Amino acid sequence: MELLALIESPGHVCSRYRIEAFKPILKRFGVRLTIEAIESNALRRFAQMRSAHLYDSVILQRKLLDSMSFSILRRAARNLVFDFDDAVLYRDSYSLKGPYCEKRKARFERIVSNADTVLAGNSFLASRAEMHGAKPEAVHFMPTCIPLAQYESAKRAQKADRNDPFVMVWIGSSSTLKGLEATSKIWNSIGEAVPNAVLRVVCDRFPKFKSMRVEPISWSQSIEIDQIVSADIGISHVPDDLWSRGKCGLKVLQYLAGGLPVLTNPVGVHAEMVKSGETGFLVDKTREWVEAIRWLSDNCQSRIEMGHNAIETIRQGYDVADWGLHFVDRVMPGAVPSNSLDQSDANSYSSGALKKLGGWKLDHKSNQMGLSSGNHWQVGKTGGVRP
């Protein structure tokens, strides 16, 4: 069986984590995966869309195609899946035009209402798909998943913990780096309060802060896991807006998989992924960030315990191995496993996903709109944590 994935650009991070990660299980079901970046030239793009008839199923990932391109694709595709992990119907957090865009909304409505299956990365996105015309039975929750085994292998290869410096890692792109730069007050306050703290930034450009030391690491796929697992804690901060509520928390999942406590603000899926006091802290005000960093830098054993809990979070809900069968079922209905996929293999792939196969409603009962939950913990004056 043939599966075509149409993605935004070669090597796009969403394609790596939401499609390519499942290539081994697809192969074991006899499904051959072809990934193509969507052509920018209109004539070549039209030809690319027409070629969809050569495949048993097509995944359109994130891209809001123009009406002509989508019309050609819809007529050609036998089975069409729309996969998205961002609030693509809105402009991003830093757009000077604001979040709402009629053209984006119209394209989004056209796609989700005509796709056979919609894979939404979180409950907020799933609710938006239904709100804009997707059939409820076509919408399915599909989190961004992490290849946990790769992170555990890299973690085992690391040397023993060191006490100085205290490394906080942030990984992302130039666009998301804007959020880090916009909160310079937080990082300068931490730099003043915790002198041994250093912020490792894994990116293609780097911020400059007055009081916080920055360790610049040029991102590459080959080093990203090592740069995460060798840090002491993971950092994420996003604005509380529509675009951020559509985020699926990839960097937070990467930190958790790397066995790191996570510090983040309680926006969208952050409040679902991080259990404050157990796998890190949900913090908001500058004072809370400073107190949490100071406490974590002073309590190595607690960091290690939180790191173990963090890995269990991935193992219990976000591991690629747990979601393989769910993914195959959604993108290639009717696929039959090869003889090499025995029952024990099937059980290992489905053990976590079976808890979630009831659809995204199971998730949206607890966080229907992906809004901040307010489930903060604070660092106590005595060094413990309190709700």
Protein backbone atom coordinates (compact mmCIF):
# COMPACT_ATOMS: atom_id res chain seq x y z
CA MET A 1 0.00 0.00 0.00
CA GLU A 2 1.17 3.50 -0.81
CA LEU A 3 0.96 6.54 1.50
CA LEU A 4 1.85 10.07 0.40
CA ALA A 5 2.62 12.83 2.92
CA LEU A 6 2.53 16.38 1.60
CA ILE A 7 4.47 18.63 3.97
CA GLU A 8 5.47 22.28 4.19
CA SER A 9 9.22 21.95 3.62
CA PRO A 10 11.95 19.26 3.51
CA GLY A 11 12.84 17.97 6.96
CA HIS A 12 10.13 20.03 8.68
CA VAL A 13 10.09 19.25 12.40
CA CYS A 14 6.37 18.44 12.37
CA SER A 15 6.90 15.88 9.64
CA ARG A 16 9.76 14.28 11.57
CA TYR A 17 7.79 13.87 14.77
CA ARG A 18 4.25 13.35 13.49
CA ILE A 19 4.84 11.28 10.33
CA GLU A 20 8.38 9.99 9.82
CA ALA A 21 8.51 8.66 13.39
CA PHE A 22 5.89 6.08 12.39
CA LYS A 23 7.72 4.85 9.30
CA PRO A 24 8.84 1.57 10.96
CA ILE A 25 5.31 0.56 12.00
CA LEU A 26 3.93 1.60 8.60
CA LYS A 27 6.50 -0.66 6.95
CA ARG A 28 5.43 -3.57 9.12
CA PHE A 29 1.90 -3.05 7.84
CA GLY A 30 3.16 -3.17 4.29
CA VAL A 31 2.71 0.59 3.80
CA ARG A 32 5.37 2.47 1.85
CA LEU A 33 5.66 6.10 2.89
CA THR A 34 6.56 8.84 0.40
CA ILE A 35 7.15 12.36 1.73
CA GLU A 36 7.07 15.38 -0.57
CA ALA A 37 7.44 19.07 0.17
CA ILE A 38 4.56 20.99 -1.40
CA GLU A 39 5.66 22.73 -4.57
CA SER A 40 5.76 26.54 -4.42
CA ASN A 41 5.29 26.96 -8.18
CA ALA A 42 1.57 26.83 -9.03
CA LEU A 43 1.83 24.65 -12.14
CA ARG A 44 4.16 22.15 -10.48
CA ARG A 45 1.90 22.15 -7.41
CA PHE A 46 -1.18 21.38 -9.52
CA ALA A 47 0.67 18.45 -11.12
CA GLN A 48 1.75 17.27 -7.68
CA MET A 49 -1.83 17.34 -6.43
CA ARG A 50 -3.04 15.35 -9.46
CA SER A 51 -0.47 12.65 -8.74
CA ALA A 52 -2.29 11.89 -5.47
CA HIS A 53 -4.39 9.33 -7.36
CA LEU A 54 -1.31 7.06 -7.45
CA TYR A 55 -1.54 6.55 -3.68
CA ASP A 56 -3.96 4.68 -1.45
CA SER A 57 -4.01 7.51 1.08
CA VAL A 58 -2.67 11.06 1.34
CA ILE A 59 -1.73 13.13 4.39
CA LEU A 60 -1.84 16.89 3.96
CA GLN A 61 0.10 18.29 6.87
CA ARG A 62 -0.61 21.80 8.17
CA LYS A 63 -0.56 23.55 4.82
CA LEU A 64 -3.65 25.63 4.01
CA LEU A 65 -3.77 25.10 0.25
CA ASP A 66 -5.37 27.59 -2.10
CA SER A 67 -8.81 26.60 -3.41
CA MET A 68 -7.60 25.34 -6.80
CA SER A 69 -4.78 23.20 -5.37
CA PHE A 70 -7.06 21.71 -2.74
CA SER A 71 -9.82 21.03 -5.24
CA ILE A 72 -7.40 19.09 -7.44
CA LEU A 73 -6.05 17.19 -4.45
CA ARG A 74 -9.51 16.32 -3.12
CA ARG A 75 -10.64 14.93 -6.47
CA ALA A 76 -7.44 12.90 -6.87
CA ALA A 77 -7.03 11.51 -3.35
CA ARG A 78 -8.83 8.26 -2.54
CA ASN A 79 -8.46 8.94 1.19
CA LEU A 80 -7.43 12.37 2.47
CA VAL A 81 -6.08 13.04 5.97
CA PHE A 82 -5.43 16.54 7.28
CA ASP A 83 -2.87 16.59 10.10
CA PHE A 84 -2.14 19.76 12.05
CA ASP A 85 -0.37 20.67 15.28
CA ASP A 86 -0.67 24.45 15.23
CA ALA A 87 -3.59 26.87 15.18
CA VAL A 88 -3.04 27.43 11.46
CA LEU A 89 -6.40 29.16 11.04
CA TYR A 90 -4.94 32.11 13.00
CA ARG A 91 -1.87 34.28 12.54
CA ASP A 92 1.00 33.63 14.94
CA SER A 93 1.59 35.36 18.26
CA TYR A 94 3.82 38.07 16.85
CA SER A 95 1.88 39.13 13.78
CA LEU A 96 1.30 42.87 13.70
CA LYS A 97 -2.04 42.23 11.98
CA GLY A 98 -3.50 40.32 14.94
CA PRO A 99 -4.63 36.68 15.11
CA TYR A 100 -7.71 36.72 12.87
CA CYS A 101 -7.42 36.22 9.13
CA GLU A 102 -10.43 35.58 6.87
CA LYS A 103 -8.33 33.92 4.17
CA ARG A 104 -6.78 31.47 6.61
CA LYS A 105 -10.14 30.71 8.15
CA ALA A 106 -11.79 30.09 4.77
CA ARG A 107 -9.01 27.74 3.66
CA PHE A 108 -9.08 25.92 6.99
CA GLU A 109 -12.86 25.44 6.79
CA ARG A 110 -12.61 24.12 3.23
CA ILE A 111 -9.98 21.56 4.19
CA VAL A 112 -11.37 20.23 7.48
CA SER A 113 -14.92 19.99 6.15
CA ASN A 114 -13.80 17.95 3.12
CA ALA A 115 -11.06 15.74 4.57
CA ASP A 116 -11.91 12.11 5.33
CA THR A 117 -9.94 12.29 8.57
CA VAL A 118 -8.66 15.18 10.67
CA LEU A 119 -5.76 14.48 13.06
CA ALA A 120 -5.55 17.25 15.66
CA GLY A 121 -2.56 17.57 17.94
CA ASN A 122 -4.57 18.69 20.98
CA SER A 123 -8.11 19.27 22.19
CA PHE A 124 -8.11 22.98 21.36
CA LEU A 125 -7.30 22.21 17.72
CA ALA A 126 -9.86 19.41 17.59
CA SER A 127 -12.55 21.74 18.88
CA ARG A 128 -11.61 24.34 16.26
CA ALA A 129 -11.85 21.76 13.48
CA GLU A 130 -15.38 20.82 14.53
CA MET A 131 -16.32 24.46 15.01
CA HIS A 132 -15.32 25.15 11.41
CA GLY A 133 -17.16 22.34 9.70
CA ALA A 134 -15.34 19.07 10.27
CA LYS A 135 -17.61 16.08 10.88
CA PRO A 136 -17.30 15.08 14.55
CA GLU A 137 -16.68 11.45 13.64
CA ALA A 138 -13.80 12.50 11.36
CA VAL A 139 -11.86 14.35 14.06
CA HIS A 140 -9.31 12.39 16.08
CA PHE A 141 -6.82 13.37 18.75
CA MET A 142 -3.24 12.54 17.78
CA PRO A 143 -0.56 14.02 20.05
CA THR A 144 2.93 14.80 18.88
CA CYS A 145 4.91 11.72 19.90
CA ILE A 146 8.47 11.22 21.06
CA PRO A 147 10.81 8.29 20.24
CA LEU A 148 11.56 7.70 23.91
CA ALA A 149 14.11 4.94 23.30
CA GLN A 150 16.43 7.40 21.53
CA TYR A 151 16.35 9.81 24.47
CA GLU A 152 16.91 7.07 27.04
CA SER A 153 19.90 5.77 25.09
CA ALA A 154 21.44 9.25 24.94
CA LYS A 155 20.76 9.80 28.65
CA ARG A 156 22.60 6.60 29.59
CA ALA A 157 25.64 7.79 27.65
CA GLN A 158 25.92 11.01 29.69
CA LYS A 159 28.50 11.46 32.43
CA ALA A 160 27.60 11.89 36.09
CA ASP A 161 25.76 15.01 37.20
CA ARG A 162 27.83 18.12 37.74
CA ASN A 163 27.10 20.92 40.16
CA ASP A 164 28.33 23.91 38.18
CA PRO A 165 27.11 25.43 35.98
CA PHE A 166 23.37 24.88 36.30
CA VAL A 167 22.23 24.43 32.69
CA MET A 168 18.74 25.41 31.61
CA VAL A 169 18.06 24.32 28.03
CA TRP A 170 15.73 25.97 25.54
CA ILE A 171 15.32 24.52 22.05
CA GLY A 172 13.37 26.05 19.19
CA SER A 173 13.35 28.09 16.00
CA SER A 174 13.92 31.76 15.23
CA SER A 175 10.18 32.38 15.27
CA THR A 176 9.61 30.91 18.73
CA LEU A 177 12.78 32.59 20.05
CA LYS A 178 10.78 35.84 19.96
CA GLY A 179 8.90 34.60 23.02
CA LEU A 180 12.14 34.11 24.93
CA GLU A 181 13.38 37.56 23.98
CA ALA A 182 10.07 39.18 24.93
CA THR A 183 10.44 37.88 28.50
CA SER A 184 13.99 39.16 29.09
CA LYS A 185 12.96 40.44 32.54
CA ILE A 186 12.51 36.85 33.71
CA TRP A 187 15.89 35.65 32.45
CA ASN A 188 17.80 38.68 33.73
CA SER A 189 16.18 38.24 37.16
CA ILE A 190 17.20 34.58 37.19
CA GLY A 191 20.74 35.48 36.12
CA GLU A 192 21.03 37.89 39.05
CA ALA A 193 19.47 35.52 41.61
CA VAL A 194 21.20 32.29 40.51
CA PRO A 195 24.78 33.18 39.51
CA ASN A 196 25.70 29.65 38.37
CA ALA A 197 22.76 29.44 35.98
CA VAL A 198 23.37 29.40 32.24
CA LEU A 199 20.73 29.32 29.52
CA ARG A 200 21.63 26.90 26.73
CA VAL A 201 19.85 28.04 23.57
CA VAL A 202 19.69 25.44 20.78
CA CYS A 203 18.57 27.41 17.75
CA ASP A 204 19.69 29.08 14.52
CA ARG A 205 20.07 32.47 16.22
CA PHE A 206 20.63 33.54 19.80
CA PRO A 207 19.34 36.13 22.29
CA LYS A 208 21.39 38.58 24.34
CA PHE A 209 20.47 39.28 27.95
CA LYS A 210 21.99 41.74 30.37
CA SER A 211 22.39 39.40 33.34
CA MET A 212 21.79 35.87 32.03
CA ARG A 213 24.65 33.94 30.49
CA VAL A 214 23.70 32.30 27.20
CA GLU A 215 25.37 29.18 25.82
CA PRO A 216 24.68 29.29 22.06
CA ILE A 217 24.36 25.92 20.33
CA SER A 218 23.65 25.85 16.60
CA TRP A 219 20.81 23.41 16.07
CA SER A 220 21.21 20.25 14.04
CA GLN A 221 19.16 17.09 14.16
CA SER A 222 22.22 15.04 15.05
CA ILE A 223 22.94 16.91 18.29
CA GLU A 224 19.54 18.05 19.59
CA ILE A 225 18.92 15.06 21.86
CA ASP A 226 22.41 15.18 23.40
CA GLN A 227 22.05 18.91 24.11
CA ILE A 228 18.77 18.27 25.90
CA VAL A 229 19.67 15.26 28.03
CA SER A 230 22.95 16.83 29.21
CA ALA A 231 21.12 19.84 30.71
CA ASP A 232 19.68 20.12 34.23
CA ILE A 233 16.19 21.44 33.42
CA GLY A 234 14.11 22.36 30.37
CA ILE A 235 12.57 25.79 29.78
CA SER A 236 9.54 26.87 27.76
CA HIS A 237 7.50 30.07 27.75
CA VAL A 238 4.70 31.03 25.34
CA PRO A 239 2.28 33.97 25.20
CA ASP A 240 -1.26 33.28 26.40
CA ASP A 241 -3.04 33.69 23.06
CA LEU A 242 -4.93 31.73 20.40
CA TRP A 243 -1.81 30.67 18.51
CA SER A 244 -0.09 29.36 21.65
CA ARG A 245 -3.18 27.44 22.76
CA GLY A 246 -2.87 25.49 19.53
CA LYS A 247 0.74 24.51 20.29
CA CYS A 248 1.32 20.83 20.97
CA GLY A 249 4.25 21.24 23.35
CA LEU A 250 7.02 19.56 21.38
CA LYS A 251 9.88 21.17 23.28
CA VAL A 252 8.24 20.29 26.61
CA LEU A 253 7.85 16.68 25.46
CA GLN A 254 11.49 16.61 24.40
CA TYR A 255 12.59 17.82 27.84
CA LEU A 256 10.40 15.27 29.60
CA ALA A 257 11.76 12.48 27.40
CA GLY A 258 15.27 13.65 28.25
CA GLY A 259 14.55 13.14 31.95
CA LEU A 260 14.52 16.85 32.78
CA PRO A 261 12.24 18.75 35.15
CA VAL A 262 10.35 21.33 33.10
CA LEU A 263 9.65 24.95 33.94
CA THR A 264 6.92 26.55 31.85
CA ASN A 265 3.94 28.83 32.08
CA PRO A 266 0.48 27.17 32.29
CA VAL A 267 -0.78 27.92 28.78
CA GLY A 268 -2.58 25.34 26.63
CA VAL A 269 -1.09 21.84 26.72
CA HIS A 270 1.66 22.90 29.12
CA ALA A 271 -0.87 22.61 31.94
CA GLU A 272 -1.65 19.05 30.83
CA MET A 273 1.90 17.85 30.26
CA VAL A 274 3.66 19.21 33.35
CA LYS A 275 2.55 18.08 36.80
CA SER A 276 3.69 20.88 39.05
CA GLY A 277 5.80 19.58 41.91
CA GLU A 278 6.23 16.18 40.24
CA THR A 279 7.74 16.71 36.78
CA GLY A 280 8.65 20.38 37.11
CA PHE A 281 6.78 23.58 37.88
CA LEU A 282 4.08 25.64 36.23
CA VAL A 283 5.11 29.22 36.88
CA ASP A 284 3.88 32.59 35.71
CA LYS A 285 5.17 35.65 37.54
CA THR A 286 8.88 36.51 37.46
CA ARG A 287 9.13 35.82 41.20
CA GLU A 288 7.81 32.29 40.68
CA TRP A 289 10.35 31.61 37.94
CA VAL A 290 13.21 32.83 40.13
CA GLU A 291 12.10 30.81 43.18
CA ALA A 292 11.66 27.63 41.13
CA ILE A 293 15.06 27.96 39.43
CA ARG A 294 16.79 28.65 42.72
CA TRP A 295 15.15 25.65 44.37
CA LEU A 296 15.94 23.31 41.49
CA SER A 297 19.57 24.44 41.34
CA ASP A 298 19.93 23.72 45.07
CA ASN A 299 18.20 20.32 45.08
CA CYS A 300 19.96 17.88 42.79
CA GLN A 301 18.26 14.76 44.17
CA SER A 302 14.81 16.30 43.70
CA ARG A 303 15.73 17.16 40.13
CA ILE A 304 16.68 13.55 39.49
CA GLU A 305 13.40 12.29 40.97
CA MET A 306 11.43 14.76 38.88
CA GLY A 307 13.39 13.60 35.84
CA HIS A 308 12.34 10.01 36.45
CA ASN A 309 8.72 11.15 36.72
CA ALA A 310 9.15 13.13 33.51
CA ILE A 311 10.21 10.05 31.56
CA GLU A 312 7.18 8.17 32.90
CA THR A 313 4.94 10.95 31.56
CA ILE A 314 6.23 10.20 28.06
CA ARG A 315 6.06 6.46 28.57
CA GLN A 316 2.44 6.66 29.72
CA GLY A 317 1.08 8.90 26.99
CA TYR A 318 3.41 10.30 24.34
CA ASP A 319 5.74 7.53 23.23
CA VAL A 320 5.81 6.75 19.51
CA ALA A 321 5.60 3.05 20.35
CA ASP A 322 2.24 3.55 22.07
CA TRP A 323 0.59 5.40 19.19
CA GLY A 324 1.75 3.39 16.19
CA LEU A 325 -1.40 1.34 15.63
CA HIS A 326 -3.62 4.36 16.17
CA PHE A 327 -1.67 6.28 13.54
CA VAL A 328 -1.81 3.46 10.99
CA ASP A 329 -5.53 2.99 11.57
CA ARG A 330 -6.23 6.67 10.94
CA VAL A 331 -4.00 7.29 7.92
CA MET A 332 -4.36 3.94 6.16
CA PRO A 333 -7.75 2.39 7.01
CA GLY A 334 -7.86 -1.32 6.32
CA ALA A 335 -4.10 -1.88 6.41
CA VAL A 336 -3.26 -5.42 7.48
CA PRO A 337 -0.09 -6.20 9.46
CA SER A 338 2.52 -8.41 7.87
CA ASN A 339 3.37 -11.77 9.38
CA SER A 340 6.36 -10.20 11.10
CA LEU A 341 4.05 -8.19 13.38
CA ASP A 342 3.07 -10.78 15.96
CA GLN A 343 0.64 -10.32 18.83
CA SER A 344 3.30 -9.23 21.31
CA ASP A 345 4.41 -6.51 18.89
CA ALA A 346 0.82 -5.36 18.43
CA ASN A 347 0.30 -5.22 22.19
CA SER A 348 3.44 -3.16 22.67
CA TYR A 349 2.34 -0.65 20.05
CA SER A 350 -1.21 -0.31 21.33
CA SER A 351 -0.84 -0.50 25.13
CA GLY A 352 -0.84 3.27 25.64
CA ALA A 353 -2.94 4.27 22.69
CA LEU A 354 -5.84 2.01 23.64
CA LYS A 355 -6.55 4.37 26.52
CA LYS A 356 -7.17 7.17 24.04
CA LEU A 357 -8.96 5.53 21.15
CA GLY A 358 -12.30 6.92 22.31
CA GLY A 359 -11.47 10.08 20.39
CA TRP A 360 -10.41 13.55 21.41
CA LYS A 361 -13.48 14.02 23.61
CA LEU A 362 -11.72 12.08 26.37
CA ASP A 363 -9.11 14.81 26.38
CA HIS A 364 -11.35 17.83 25.93
CA LYS A 365 -13.48 16.98 28.97
CA SER A 366 -10.57 18.07 31.14
CA ASN A 367 -9.38 20.98 29.00
CA GLN A 368 -11.98 21.77 26.38
CA MET A 369 -10.48 24.95 25.00
CA GLY A 370 -6.84 24.40 25.86
CA LEU A 371 -6.91 27.37 28.23
CA SER A 372 -4.64 27.97 31.18
CA SER A 373 -5.72 25.80 34.09
CA GLY A 374 -4.17 27.80 36.91
CA ASN A 375 -2.87 24.57 38.44
CA HIS A 376 0.25 26.20 39.87
CA TRP A 377 2.59 24.95 42.51
CA GLN A 378 4.96 27.22 44.35
CA VAL A 379 8.33 26.63 45.92
CA GLY A 380 8.05 26.81 49.68
CA LYS A 381 10.42 28.84 51.83
CA THR A 382 11.67 25.66 53.48
CA GLY A 383 12.73 24.13 50.17
CA GLY A 384 9.71 21.94 49.57
CA VAL A 385 6.83 22.46 47.20
CA ARG A 386 3.28 23.43 48.03
CA PRO A 387 0.06 23.77 46.00
